[in-house]
Amino acid sequence: VPPAFQKRVLMIGILGAIVLRTIMILVGGWLLAQFHWILYLFGAFLILTGIKMWWAAGQESDLDDNPALKLLRRVMPVSKRFEGEKFFTVENGRKIATPLLMVIAMVGLTDVIFAVDSIPAIFAITKDPFIVLTSNVFAILGLRAMFFLLQAAAGRFHLLNYGLAVILVFIGSKMMLIDIFKIPVAVSLGVVMGILAVTMLWSARTAPNT
């Protein structure tokens, strides 16, 4: 995406993500209130996702193989070039989407995919839908500023995905054991911060692809 359009794309994508996450949180809160055993499914899903992320970490990802991108391309034809800030253009007498609209759709769809992981993880800490919703909204609003920071730091913390994978497995295990042993919030926070710190230090001491 050309730098001139990045801020607009992020803002529109973030607004869409807030709407989608609100719907998912309300549905998730209702499911947990009606069916306690859903918590075990969420936990198992997080564990499987963490294992998958661990094995995929360090591998080069091909954007053309992205399932979300494939789905969007099936739904709407896309031109090969940007047309300024336009979302649609006309080619051969047919109205098609520009890459700018595709990027915005990808931002929203990708956020939904990540929310499938993050929302169950938050419900492992609190079951209050208001707290879950407001924490997600504030986190999403911070993404616009964080994007440019992470874009600059992504190369330095090349092993961060390994840490995130371990965190997902930890949170999933916590959800699976909630009726047997409840891990205090302070302990959970310490474990998560410790894993992130170790991963970042490990990244700083090793070169990428080693």
N, C-alpha and C. Protein backbone atom coordinates (compact mmCIF):
# COMPACT_ATOMS: atom_id res chain seq x y z
N VAL A 1 0.85 -1.19 0.00
CA VAL A 1 0.00 0.00 0.00
C VAL A 1 0.89 1.24 0.00
N PRO A 2 0.67 2.18 -0.92
CA PRO A 2 1.46 3.41 -0.91
C PRO A 2 1.35 4.11 0.44
N PRO A 3 2.46 4.66 0.94
CA PRO A 3 2.46 5.30 2.27
C PRO A 3 1.38 6.38 2.42
N ALA A 4 1.04 7.07 1.34
CA ALA A 4 0.05 8.15 1.42
C ALA A 4 -1.33 7.64 1.80
N PHE A 5 -1.60 6.36 1.53
CA PHE A 5 -2.94 5.81 1.80
C PHE A 5 -3.00 4.96 3.07
N GLN A 6 -1.86 4.71 3.70
CA GLN A 6 -1.83 3.76 4.81
C GLN A 6 -2.67 4.21 6.00
N LYS A 7 -2.61 5.50 6.35
CA LYS A 7 -3.36 5.98 7.52
C LYS A 7 -4.86 5.85 7.30
N ARG A 8 -5.32 6.16 6.07
CA ARG A 8 -6.75 6.07 5.78
C ARG A 8 -7.21 4.61 5.82
N VAL A 9 -6.40 3.73 5.25
CA VAL A 9 -6.74 2.30 5.24
C VAL A 9 -6.85 1.78 6.67
N LEU A 10 -5.90 2.14 7.52
CA LEU A 10 -5.91 1.68 8.90
C LEU A 10 -7.13 2.20 9.66
N MET A 11 -7.47 3.47 9.46
CA MET A 11 -8.61 4.05 10.17
C MET A 11 -9.92 3.36 9.79
N ILE A 12 -10.15 3.16 8.49
CA ILE A 12 -11.38 2.50 8.05
C ILE A 12 -11.39 1.05 8.52
N GLY A 13 -10.24 0.38 8.41
CA GLY A 13 -10.15 -1.01 8.85
C GLY A 13 -10.40 -1.16 10.34
N ILE A 14 -9.90 -0.21 11.13
CA ILE A 14 -10.09 -0.26 12.58
C ILE A 14 -11.56 -0.07 12.96
N LEU A 15 -12.24 0.87 12.29
CA LEU A 15 -13.66 1.08 12.57
C LEU A 15 -14.47 -0.18 12.25
N GLY A 16 -14.14 -0.81 11.13
CA GLY A 16 -14.82 -2.06 10.78
C GLY A 16 -14.52 -3.16 11.78
N ALA A 17 -13.27 -3.20 12.26
CA ALA A 17 -12.89 -4.23 13.23
C ALA A 17 -13.64 -4.06 14.55
N ILE A 18 -13.87 -2.81 14.96
CA ILE A 18 -14.61 -2.56 16.21
C ILE A 18 -16.03 -3.11 16.10
N VAL A 19 -16.68 -2.88 14.96
CA VAL A 19 -18.05 -3.38 14.77
C VAL A 19 -18.07 -4.90 14.80
N LEU A 20 -17.14 -5.53 14.07
CA LEU A 20 -17.12 -6.99 14.00
C LEU A 20 -16.80 -7.61 15.36
N ARG A 21 -15.85 -7.02 16.08
CA ARG A 21 -15.50 -7.56 17.40
C ARG A 21 -16.64 -7.41 18.40
N THR A 22 -17.36 -6.30 18.31
CA THR A 22 -18.50 -6.11 19.21
C THR A 22 -19.51 -7.23 19.04
N ILE A 23 -19.80 -7.56 17.79
CA ILE A 23 -20.74 -8.65 17.51
C ILE A 23 -20.22 -9.97 18.06
N MET A 24 -18.92 -10.25 17.83
CA MET A 24 -18.34 -11.51 18.29
C MET A 24 -18.32 -11.60 19.82
N ILE A 25 -18.04 -10.49 20.49
CA ILE A 25 -17.99 -10.50 21.96
C ILE A 25 -19.38 -10.73 22.55
N LEU A 26 -20.39 -10.07 21.98
CA LEU A 26 -21.75 -10.25 22.48
C LEU A 26 -22.21 -11.69 22.29
N VAL A 27 -21.90 -12.25 21.13
CA VAL A 27 -22.27 -13.65 20.87
C VAL A 27 -21.50 -14.59 21.79
N GLY A 28 -20.18 -14.32 21.93
CA GLY A 28 -19.35 -15.17 22.80
C GLY A 28 -19.79 -15.10 24.26
N GLY A 29 -20.13 -13.90 24.73
CA GLY A 29 -20.61 -13.76 26.11
C GLY A 29 -21.91 -14.51 26.34
N TRP A 30 -22.80 -14.45 25.35
CA TRP A 30 -24.08 -15.17 25.47
C TRP A 30 -23.85 -16.68 25.50
N LEU A 31 -22.94 -17.16 24.64
CA LEU A 31 -22.66 -18.60 24.61
C LEU A 31 -22.10 -19.09 25.94
N LEU A 32 -21.16 -18.30 26.52
CA LEU A 32 -20.57 -18.70 27.80
C LEU A 32 -21.60 -18.69 28.92
N ALA A 33 -22.53 -17.73 28.85
CA ALA A 33 -23.56 -17.66 29.88
C ALA A 33 -24.54 -18.83 29.78
N GLN A 34 -24.77 -19.31 28.56
CA GLN A 34 -25.73 -20.38 28.36
C GLN A 34 -25.10 -21.77 28.44
N PHE A 35 -23.85 -21.88 27.97
CA PHE A 35 -23.19 -23.18 27.88
C PHE A 35 -21.77 -23.07 28.45
N HIS A 36 -21.58 -23.48 29.70
CA HIS A 36 -20.26 -23.37 30.34
C HIS A 36 -19.21 -24.21 29.62
N TRP A 37 -19.64 -25.34 29.04
CA TRP A 37 -18.68 -26.23 28.39
C TRP A 37 -18.03 -25.61 27.15
N ILE A 38 -18.60 -24.49 26.65
CA ILE A 38 -17.99 -23.79 25.51
C ILE A 38 -16.58 -23.34 25.88
N LEU A 39 -16.36 -23.07 27.17
CA LEU A 39 -15.04 -22.63 27.63
C LEU A 39 -13.97 -23.66 27.32
N TYR A 40 -14.32 -24.95 27.43
CA TYR A 40 -13.36 -26.01 27.12
C TYR A 40 -13.04 -26.05 25.63
N LEU A 41 -14.04 -25.77 24.80
CA LEU A 41 -13.80 -25.72 23.35
C LEU A 41 -12.88 -24.56 23.01
N PHE A 42 -13.12 -23.40 23.64
CA PHE A 42 -12.24 -22.26 23.43
C PHE A 42 -10.81 -22.60 23.84
N GLY A 43 -10.65 -23.26 24.99
CA GLY A 43 -9.32 -23.62 25.46
C GLY A 43 -8.62 -24.57 24.53
N ALA A 44 -9.33 -25.60 24.06
CA ALA A 44 -8.73 -26.56 23.13
C ALA A 44 -8.34 -25.87 21.83
N PHE A 45 -9.18 -24.94 21.38
CA PHE A 45 -8.89 -24.21 20.14
C PHE A 45 -7.62 -23.38 20.28
N LEU A 46 -7.45 -22.72 21.43
CA LEU A 46 -6.25 -21.91 21.66
C LEU A 46 -5.00 -22.78 21.70
N ILE A 47 -5.09 -23.95 22.31
CA ILE A 47 -3.94 -24.85 22.37
C ILE A 47 -3.54 -25.30 20.98
N LEU A 48 -4.52 -25.71 20.18
CA LEU A 48 -4.24 -26.15 18.81
C LEU A 48 -3.67 -25.01 17.97
N THR A 49 -4.22 -23.80 18.16
CA THR A 49 -3.72 -22.65 17.43
C THR A 49 -2.28 -22.33 17.81
N GLY A 50 -1.97 -22.43 19.11
CA GLY A 50 -0.60 -22.19 19.56
C GLY A 50 0.38 -23.18 18.98
N ILE A 51 0.00 -24.46 18.94
CA ILE A 51 0.87 -25.49 18.36
C ILE A 51 1.10 -25.22 16.88
N LYS A 52 0.02 -24.86 16.17
CA LYS A 52 0.13 -24.57 14.74
C LYS A 52 1.02 -23.35 14.51
N MET A 53 0.88 -22.32 15.35
CA MET A 53 1.69 -21.12 15.21
C MET A 53 3.17 -21.43 15.46
N TRP A 54 3.45 -22.31 16.42
CA TRP A 54 4.84 -22.68 16.70
C TRP A 54 5.49 -23.33 15.49
N TRP A 55 4.79 -24.27 14.85
CA TRP A 55 5.36 -24.96 13.70
C TRP A 55 5.48 -24.04 12.49
N ALA A 56 4.59 -23.04 12.38
CA ALA A 56 4.63 -22.12 11.24
C ALA A 56 5.61 -20.98 11.44
N ALA A 57 6.04 -20.75 12.70
CA ALA A 57 6.96 -19.64 12.99
C ALA A 57 8.27 -19.83 12.25
N GLY A 58 8.79 -18.74 11.70
CA GLY A 58 10.06 -18.80 11.01
C GLY A 58 9.96 -19.19 9.55
N GLN A 59 8.78 -19.61 9.11
CA GLN A 59 8.61 -19.98 7.71
C GLN A 59 8.14 -18.77 6.91
N GLU A 60 8.61 -18.69 5.67
CA GLU A 60 8.19 -17.60 4.81
C GLU A 60 6.75 -17.82 4.37
N SER A 61 5.92 -16.82 4.56
CA SER A 61 4.51 -16.94 4.17
C SER A 61 4.30 -16.32 2.79
N ASP A 62 3.53 -17.00 1.96
CA ASP A 62 3.20 -16.52 0.62
C ASP A 62 1.83 -15.88 0.67
N LEU A 63 1.76 -14.59 0.36
CA LEU A 63 0.49 -13.87 0.44
C LEU A 63 -0.57 -14.48 -0.46
N ASP A 64 -0.14 -15.02 -1.60
CA ASP A 64 -1.11 -15.62 -2.53
C ASP A 64 -1.76 -16.86 -1.95
N ASP A 65 -1.14 -17.48 -0.95
CA ASP A 65 -1.71 -18.67 -0.32
C ASP A 65 -2.60 -18.33 0.88
N ASN A 66 -2.73 -17.05 1.17
CA ASN A 66 -3.55 -16.63 2.31
C ASN A 66 -5.01 -16.97 2.05
N PRO A 67 -5.64 -17.79 2.92
CA PRO A 67 -7.03 -18.20 2.68
C PRO A 67 -8.01 -17.03 2.67
N ALA A 68 -7.75 -16.01 3.51
CA ALA A 68 -8.63 -14.84 3.53
C ALA A 68 -8.57 -14.10 2.20
N LEU A 69 -7.36 -13.97 1.64
CA LEU A 69 -7.20 -13.28 0.36
C LEU A 69 -7.86 -14.07 -0.76
N LYS A 70 -7.72 -15.38 -0.73
CA LYS A 70 -8.37 -16.22 -1.74
C LYS A 70 -9.88 -16.07 -1.69
N LEU A 71 -10.43 -16.03 -0.47
CA LEU A 71 -11.88 -15.88 -0.31
C LEU A 71 -12.35 -14.54 -0.87
N LEU A 72 -11.62 -13.47 -0.57
CA LEU A 72 -12.02 -12.15 -1.05
C LEU A 72 -11.94 -12.06 -2.56
N ARG A 73 -10.93 -12.69 -3.16
CA ARG A 73 -10.80 -12.65 -4.61
C ARG A 73 -11.91 -13.42 -5.31
N ARG A 74 -12.44 -14.41 -4.64
CA ARG A 74 -13.58 -15.13 -5.21
C ARG A 74 -14.85 -14.29 -5.16
N VAL A 75 -14.97 -13.50 -4.10
CA VAL A 75 -16.17 -12.68 -3.93
C VAL A 75 -16.17 -11.49 -4.87
N MET A 76 -15.00 -10.85 -5.04
CA MET A 76 -14.94 -9.64 -5.87
C MET A 76 -13.68 -9.63 -6.73
N PRO A 77 -13.83 -9.33 -8.03
CA PRO A 77 -12.65 -9.18 -8.90
C PRO A 77 -11.89 -7.92 -8.52
N VAL A 78 -10.56 -7.98 -8.65
CA VAL A 78 -9.72 -6.86 -8.21
C VAL A 78 -8.78 -6.46 -9.33
N SER A 79 -8.62 -5.15 -9.51
CA SER A 79 -7.67 -4.64 -10.50
C SER A 79 -6.24 -4.82 -9.99
N LYS A 80 -5.28 -4.67 -10.87
CA LYS A 80 -3.88 -4.88 -10.50
C LYS A 80 -3.18 -3.60 -10.08
N ARG A 81 -3.85 -2.47 -10.20
CA ARG A 81 -3.19 -1.20 -9.86
C ARG A 81 -4.11 -0.32 -9.01
N PHE A 82 -3.47 0.53 -8.22
CA PHE A 82 -4.21 1.48 -7.39
C PHE A 82 -4.74 2.63 -8.26
N GLU A 83 -5.89 3.14 -7.89
CA GLU A 83 -6.50 4.28 -8.59
C GLU A 83 -6.69 5.42 -7.60
N GLY A 84 -5.57 5.93 -7.08
CA GLY A 84 -5.65 6.98 -6.07
C GLY A 84 -6.33 6.45 -4.82
N GLU A 85 -7.31 7.20 -4.30
CA GLU A 85 -8.04 6.77 -3.11
C GLU A 85 -9.37 6.11 -3.47
N LYS A 86 -9.55 5.77 -4.73
CA LYS A 86 -10.80 5.13 -5.16
C LYS A 86 -10.86 3.68 -4.70
N PHE A 87 -12.05 3.23 -4.35
CA PHE A 87 -12.27 1.84 -3.96
C PHE A 87 -12.71 0.98 -5.14
N PHE A 88 -13.23 1.62 -6.18
CA PHE A 88 -13.68 0.88 -7.37
C PHE A 88 -13.17 1.56 -8.63
N THR A 89 -13.02 0.78 -9.68
CA THR A 89 -12.62 1.29 -10.98
C THR A 89 -13.36 0.50 -12.06
N VAL A 90 -13.21 0.92 -13.29
CA VAL A 90 -13.88 0.25 -14.40
C VAL A 90 -12.83 -0.28 -15.37
N GLU A 91 -12.88 -1.57 -15.65
CA GLU A 91 -11.99 -2.21 -16.61
C GLU A 91 -12.82 -3.04 -17.57
N ASN A 92 -12.63 -2.78 -18.87
CA ASN A 92 -13.37 -3.50 -19.91
C ASN A 92 -14.89 -3.40 -19.70
N GLY A 93 -15.32 -2.22 -19.28
CA GLY A 93 -16.75 -2.00 -19.09
C GLY A 93 -17.33 -2.64 -17.85
N ARG A 94 -16.48 -3.18 -16.99
CA ARG A 94 -16.96 -3.85 -15.78
C ARG A 94 -16.41 -3.15 -14.54
N LYS A 95 -17.28 -2.93 -13.56
CA LYS A 95 -16.87 -2.27 -12.32
C LYS A 95 -16.22 -3.29 -11.40
N ILE A 96 -14.98 -3.05 -11.01
CA ILE A 96 -14.26 -3.98 -10.14
C ILE A 96 -13.60 -3.20 -9.00
N ALA A 97 -13.19 -3.92 -7.98
CA ALA A 97 -12.56 -3.30 -6.80
C ALA A 97 -11.10 -2.97 -7.09
N THR A 98 -10.60 -1.96 -6.40
CA THR A 98 -9.18 -1.63 -6.48
C THR A 98 -8.44 -2.33 -5.34
N PRO A 99 -7.12 -2.45 -5.43
CA PRO A 99 -6.37 -3.07 -4.33
C PRO A 99 -6.58 -2.37 -2.99
N LEU A 100 -6.94 -1.06 -3.01
CA LEU A 100 -7.17 -0.34 -1.76
C LEU A 100 -8.35 -0.92 -1.00
N LEU A 101 -9.44 -1.23 -1.71
CA LEU A 101 -10.60 -1.84 -1.06
C LEU A 101 -10.26 -3.24 -0.56
N MET A 102 -9.45 -3.96 -1.33
CA MET A 102 -9.04 -5.30 -0.93
C MET A 102 -8.24 -5.26 0.37
N VAL A 103 -7.36 -4.26 0.50
CA VAL A 103 -6.55 -4.13 1.72
C VAL A 103 -7.44 -3.85 2.93
N ILE A 104 -8.43 -2.96 2.76
CA ILE A 104 -9.34 -2.65 3.87
C ILE A 104 -10.13 -3.89 4.27
N ALA A 105 -10.61 -4.64 3.28
CA ALA A 105 -11.34 -5.87 3.57
C ALA A 105 -10.44 -6.88 4.27
N MET A 106 -9.17 -6.94 3.87
CA MET A 106 -8.23 -7.86 4.51
C MET A 106 -7.97 -7.47 5.96
N VAL A 107 -7.90 -6.16 6.23
CA VAL A 107 -7.69 -5.70 7.61
C VAL A 107 -8.83 -6.18 8.50
N GLY A 108 -10.07 -5.99 8.02
CA GLY A 108 -11.22 -6.42 8.81
C GLY A 108 -11.30 -7.92 8.96
N LEU A 109 -11.08 -8.65 7.86
CA LEU A 109 -11.17 -10.11 7.91
C LEU A 109 -10.06 -10.71 8.75
N THR A 110 -8.85 -10.16 8.63
CA THR A 110 -7.73 -10.65 9.43
C THR A 110 -7.97 -10.41 10.91
N ASP A 111 -8.57 -9.25 11.24
CA ASP A 111 -8.87 -8.97 12.64
C ASP A 111 -9.87 -9.98 13.20
N VAL A 112 -10.85 -10.37 12.38
CA VAL A 112 -11.82 -11.38 12.81
C VAL A 112 -11.11 -12.69 13.11
N ILE A 113 -10.16 -13.06 12.23
CA ILE A 113 -9.41 -14.31 12.43
C ILE A 113 -8.62 -14.26 13.73
N PHE A 114 -7.96 -13.12 14.00
CA PHE A 114 -7.21 -12.99 15.25
C PHE A 114 -8.14 -12.92 16.45
N ALA A 115 -9.32 -12.34 16.27
CA ALA A 115 -10.28 -12.23 17.37
C ALA A 115 -10.75 -13.59 17.83
N VAL A 116 -10.77 -14.56 16.92
CA VAL A 116 -11.16 -15.92 17.28
C VAL A 116 -10.22 -16.46 18.36
N ASP A 117 -8.95 -16.01 18.32
CA ASP A 117 -7.98 -16.40 19.35
C ASP A 117 -8.08 -15.50 20.58
N SER A 118 -8.08 -14.19 20.35
CA SER A 118 -7.94 -13.25 21.46
C SER A 118 -9.18 -13.14 22.33
N ILE A 119 -10.36 -13.21 21.74
CA ILE A 119 -11.58 -13.07 22.54
C ILE A 119 -11.75 -14.22 23.53
N PRO A 120 -11.58 -15.49 23.12
CA PRO A 120 -11.62 -16.56 24.13
C PRO A 120 -10.56 -16.39 25.20
N ALA A 121 -9.37 -15.87 24.82
CA ALA A 121 -8.31 -15.67 25.80
C ALA A 121 -8.72 -14.64 26.85
N ILE A 122 -9.43 -13.59 26.43
CA ILE A 122 -9.88 -12.57 27.39
C ILE A 122 -10.98 -13.13 28.29
N PHE A 123 -11.86 -13.95 27.72
CA PHE A 123 -12.92 -14.56 28.53
C PHE A 123 -12.33 -15.50 29.59
N ALA A 124 -11.08 -15.94 29.38
CA ALA A 124 -10.43 -16.77 30.40
C ALA A 124 -10.06 -15.94 31.63
N ILE A 125 -9.95 -14.62 31.45
CA ILE A 125 -9.59 -13.72 32.55
C ILE A 125 -10.83 -13.15 33.21
N THR A 126 -11.79 -12.73 32.41
CA THR A 126 -13.04 -12.18 32.94
C THR A 126 -14.20 -12.57 32.03
N LYS A 127 -15.36 -12.78 32.63
CA LYS A 127 -16.55 -13.12 31.85
C LYS A 127 -17.50 -11.94 31.75
N ASP A 128 -17.05 -10.76 32.16
CA ASP A 128 -17.87 -9.55 32.07
C ASP A 128 -17.79 -9.01 30.64
N PRO A 129 -18.87 -9.09 29.85
CA PRO A 129 -18.83 -8.63 28.46
C PRO A 129 -18.42 -7.17 28.31
N PHE A 130 -18.79 -6.32 29.30
CA PHE A 130 -18.44 -4.90 29.22
C PHE A 130 -16.93 -4.72 29.28
N ILE A 131 -16.27 -5.43 30.20
CA ILE A 131 -14.81 -5.32 30.31
C ILE A 131 -14.14 -5.88 29.06
N VAL A 132 -14.64 -7.01 28.57
CA VAL A 132 -14.08 -7.61 27.36
C VAL A 132 -14.22 -6.65 26.18
N LEU A 133 -15.40 -6.05 26.05
CA LEU A 133 -15.65 -5.14 24.92
C LEU A 133 -14.79 -3.89 24.99
N THR A 134 -14.77 -3.22 26.14
CA THR A 134 -14.01 -1.97 26.26
C THR A 134 -12.51 -2.21 26.10
N SER A 135 -12.01 -3.31 26.64
CA SER A 135 -10.58 -3.61 26.49
C SER A 135 -10.23 -3.85 25.03
N ASN A 136 -11.12 -4.52 24.30
CA ASN A 136 -10.89 -4.75 22.87
C ASN A 136 -10.94 -3.46 22.08
N VAL A 137 -11.91 -2.60 22.40
CA VAL A 137 -12.03 -1.33 21.67
C VAL A 137 -10.79 -0.47 21.87
N PHE A 138 -10.33 -0.34 23.11
CA PHE A 138 -9.13 0.47 23.37
C PHE A 138 -7.89 -0.14 22.71
N ALA A 139 -7.83 -1.47 22.71
CA ALA A 139 -6.69 -2.14 22.07
C ALA A 139 -6.70 -1.88 20.56
N ILE A 140 -7.88 -1.96 19.95
CA ILE A 140 -7.98 -1.73 18.51
C ILE A 140 -7.66 -0.27 18.16
N LEU A 141 -8.13 0.67 18.98
CA LEU A 141 -7.85 2.08 18.73
C LEU A 141 -6.35 2.37 18.79
N GLY A 142 -5.63 1.59 19.59
CA GLY A 142 -4.19 1.77 19.67
C GLY A 142 -3.42 1.13 18.53
N LEU A 143 -4.12 0.33 17.72
CA LEU A 143 -3.44 -0.37 16.63
C LEU A 143 -2.90 0.58 15.57
N ARG A 144 -3.59 1.69 15.35
CA ARG A 144 -3.16 2.63 14.30
C ARG A 144 -1.77 3.17 14.60
N ALA A 145 -1.55 3.55 15.86
CA ALA A 145 -0.23 4.05 16.24
C ALA A 145 0.77 2.91 16.35
N MET A 146 0.30 1.75 16.87
CA MET A 146 1.20 0.61 17.05
C MET A 146 1.67 0.04 15.72
N PHE A 147 0.87 0.19 14.67
CA PHE A 147 1.23 -0.39 13.37
C PHE A 147 2.58 0.12 12.90
N PHE A 148 2.77 1.44 12.95
CA PHE A 148 4.02 2.01 12.45
C PHE A 148 5.19 1.66 13.37
N LEU A 149 4.92 1.53 14.67
CA LEU A 149 5.98 1.11 15.60
C LEU A 149 6.38 -0.33 15.34
N LEU A 150 5.38 -1.21 15.19
CA LEU A 150 5.66 -2.62 14.94
C LEU A 150 6.28 -2.83 13.57
N GLN A 151 5.89 -2.01 12.61
CA GLN A 151 6.46 -2.11 11.27
C GLN A 151 7.96 -1.88 11.30
N ALA A 152 8.39 -0.94 12.16
CA ALA A 152 9.81 -0.64 12.28
C ALA A 152 10.55 -1.68 13.11
N ALA A 153 9.84 -2.30 14.08
CA ALA A 153 10.50 -3.23 15.01
C ALA A 153 10.34 -4.69 14.62
N ALA A 154 9.54 -4.98 13.58
CA ALA A 154 9.24 -6.37 13.23
C ALA A 154 10.50 -7.17 12.93
N GLY A 155 11.46 -6.53 12.27
CA GLY A 155 12.68 -7.25 11.92
C GLY A 155 13.54 -7.59 13.13
N ARG A 156 13.44 -6.80 14.19
CA ARG A 156 14.27 -7.02 15.37
C ARG A 156 13.74 -8.17 16.22
N PHE A 157 12.42 -8.33 16.25
CA PHE A 157 11.81 -9.37 17.09
C PHE A 157 11.27 -10.50 16.21
N HIS A 158 12.17 -11.11 15.47
CA HIS A 158 11.78 -12.12 14.47
C HIS A 158 11.34 -13.44 15.11
N LEU A 159 11.59 -13.60 16.40
CA LEU A 159 11.20 -14.85 17.07
C LEU A 159 9.96 -14.67 17.95
N LEU A 160 9.29 -13.54 17.80
CA LEU A 160 8.16 -13.24 18.67
C LEU A 160 7.02 -14.24 18.50
N ASN A 161 6.86 -14.79 17.30
CA ASN A 161 5.77 -15.75 17.07
C ASN A 161 5.90 -16.99 17.95
N TYR A 162 7.14 -17.38 18.27
CA TYR A 162 7.32 -18.53 19.17
C TYR A 162 6.76 -18.21 20.56
N GLY A 163 7.04 -16.99 21.03
CA GLY A 163 6.51 -16.59 22.33
C GLY A 163 5.00 -16.51 22.33
N LEU A 164 4.43 -15.96 21.26
CA LEU A 164 2.97 -15.87 21.17
C LEU A 164 2.34 -17.26 21.14
N ALA A 165 3.01 -18.21 20.49
CA ALA A 165 2.51 -19.58 20.44
C ALA A 165 2.46 -20.19 21.84
N VAL A 166 3.52 -19.98 22.61
CA VAL A 166 3.56 -20.50 23.98
C VAL A 166 2.47 -19.84 24.84
N ILE A 167 2.26 -18.54 24.63
CA ILE A 167 1.22 -17.83 25.39
C ILE A 167 -0.16 -18.40 25.09
N LEU A 168 -0.44 -18.68 23.82
CA LEU A 168 -1.73 -19.26 23.45
C LEU A 168 -1.94 -20.62 24.11
N VAL A 169 -0.89 -21.44 24.12
CA VAL A 169 -1.00 -22.76 24.76
C VAL A 169 -1.23 -22.60 26.26
N PHE A 170 -0.52 -21.64 26.88
CA PHE A 170 -0.70 -21.40 28.32
C PHE A 170 -2.12 -20.96 28.64
N ILE A 171 -2.64 -19.99 27.87
CA ILE A 171 -4.00 -19.49 28.14
C ILE A 171 -5.04 -20.57 27.87
N GLY A 172 -4.83 -21.35 26.79
CA GLY A 172 -5.74 -22.44 26.51
C GLY A 172 -5.76 -23.48 27.62
N SER A 173 -4.58 -23.79 28.15
CA SER A 173 -4.49 -24.75 29.26
C SER A 173 -5.18 -24.20 30.51
N LYS A 174 -5.03 -22.89 30.73
CA LYS A 174 -5.69 -22.25 31.87
C LYS A 174 -7.20 -22.38 31.77
N MET A 175 -7.73 -22.24 30.56
CA MET A 175 -9.17 -22.36 30.36
C MET A 175 -9.64 -23.80 30.57
N MET A 176 -8.82 -24.75 30.14
CA MET A 176 -9.18 -26.17 30.28
C MET A 176 -9.20 -26.60 31.75
N LEU A 177 -8.35 -25.95 32.57
CA LEU A 177 -8.21 -26.34 33.98
C LEU A 177 -9.00 -25.45 34.93
N ILE A 178 -9.84 -24.58 34.39
CA ILE A 178 -10.48 -23.55 35.22
C ILE A 178 -11.33 -24.13 36.35
N ASP A 179 -11.93 -25.31 36.14
CA ASP A 179 -12.77 -25.91 37.18
C ASP A 179 -11.97 -26.78 38.14
N ILE A 180 -10.70 -27.01 37.83
CA ILE A 180 -9.84 -27.83 38.68
C ILE A 180 -8.90 -26.95 39.50
N PHE A 181 -8.25 -26.01 38.81
CA PHE A 181 -7.31 -25.11 39.48
C PHE A 181 -7.35 -23.76 38.79
N LYS A 182 -7.67 -22.71 39.54
CA LYS A 182 -7.77 -21.38 38.97
C LYS A 182 -6.46 -20.64 39.18
N ILE A 183 -5.79 -20.34 38.08
CA ILE A 183 -4.52 -19.61 38.15
C ILE A 183 -4.80 -18.13 38.40
N PRO A 184 -4.20 -17.53 39.43
CA PRO A 184 -4.44 -16.11 39.73
C PRO A 184 -4.07 -15.22 38.54
N VAL A 185 -4.79 -14.10 38.43
CA VAL A 185 -4.55 -13.17 37.32
C VAL A 185 -3.12 -12.63 37.35
N ALA A 186 -2.61 -12.34 38.56
CA ALA A 186 -1.25 -11.82 38.68
C ALA A 186 -0.22 -12.82 38.16
N VAL A 187 -0.45 -14.10 38.44
CA VAL A 187 0.46 -15.14 37.94
C VAL A 187 0.38 -15.23 36.42
N SER A 188 -0.83 -15.19 35.89
CA SER A 188 -1.01 -15.24 34.44
C SER A 188 -0.30 -14.07 33.76
N LEU A 189 -0.47 -12.87 34.32
CA LEU A 189 0.17 -11.68 33.76
C LEU A 189 1.69 -11.82 33.81
N GLY A 190 2.21 -12.34 34.93
CA GLY A 190 3.65 -12.53 35.05
C GLY A 190 4.19 -13.52 34.04
N VAL A 191 3.45 -14.61 33.82
CA VAL A 191 3.88 -15.62 32.84
C VAL A 191 3.91 -15.02 31.44
N VAL A 192 2.84 -14.30 31.08
CA VAL A 192 2.76 -13.71 29.74
C VAL A 192 3.88 -12.69 29.53
N MET A 193 4.08 -11.79 30.50
CA MET A 193 5.13 -10.79 30.38
C MET A 193 6.51 -11.44 30.34
N GLY A 194 6.69 -12.49 31.13
CA GLY A 194 7.97 -13.20 31.14
C GLY A 194 8.27 -13.85 29.80
N ILE A 195 7.26 -14.49 29.21
CA ILE A 195 7.45 -15.14 27.91
C ILE A 195 7.79 -14.11 26.84
N LEU A 196 7.08 -12.98 26.84
CA LEU A 196 7.36 -11.93 25.87
C LEU A 196 8.76 -11.37 26.05
N ALA A 197 9.17 -11.15 27.30
CA ALA A 197 10.50 -10.60 27.58
C ALA A 197 11.59 -11.54 27.11
N VAL A 198 11.44 -12.83 27.42
CA VAL A 198 12.44 -13.83 27.01
C VAL A 198 12.52 -13.90 25.49
N THR A 199 11.37 -13.89 24.82
CA THR A 199 11.36 -13.98 23.36
C THR A 199 12.01 -12.77 22.72
N MET A 200 11.74 -11.59 23.26
CA MET A 200 12.33 -10.37 22.69
C MET A 200 13.83 -10.33 22.92
N LEU A 201 14.28 -10.75 24.11
CA LEU A 201 15.72 -10.80 24.37
C LEU A 201 16.40 -11.84 23.49
N TRP A 202 15.73 -12.96 23.31
CA TRP A 202 16.25 -14.03 22.45
C TRP A 202 16.38 -13.52 21.01
N SER A 203 15.38 -12.76 20.56
CA SER A 203 15.42 -12.19 19.21
C SER A 203 16.58 -11.21 19.06
N ALA A 204 16.80 -10.40 20.11
CA ALA A 204 17.86 -9.39 20.05
C ALA A 204 19.25 -10.00 20.02
N ARG A 205 19.38 -11.21 20.58
CA ARG A 205 20.70 -11.85 20.66
C ARG A 205 20.98 -12.78 19.49
N THR A 206 19.99 -13.03 18.65
CA THR A 206 20.18 -13.92 17.50
C THR A 206 19.80 -13.20 16.22
N ALA A 207 20.46 -13.56 15.15
CA ALA A 207 20.15 -12.97 13.85
C ALA A 207 18.96 -13.68 13.23
N PRO A 208 18.20 -13.02 12.37
CA PRO A 208 17.08 -13.67 11.70
C PRO A 208 17.54 -14.87 10.89
N ASN A 209 16.63 -15.88 10.81
CA ASN A 209 16.87 -17.09 10.02
C ASN A 209 18.07 -17.88 10.49
N THR A 210 18.32 -17.89 11.82
CA THR A 210 19.40 -18.71 12.36
C THR A 210 18.84 -19.69 13.36
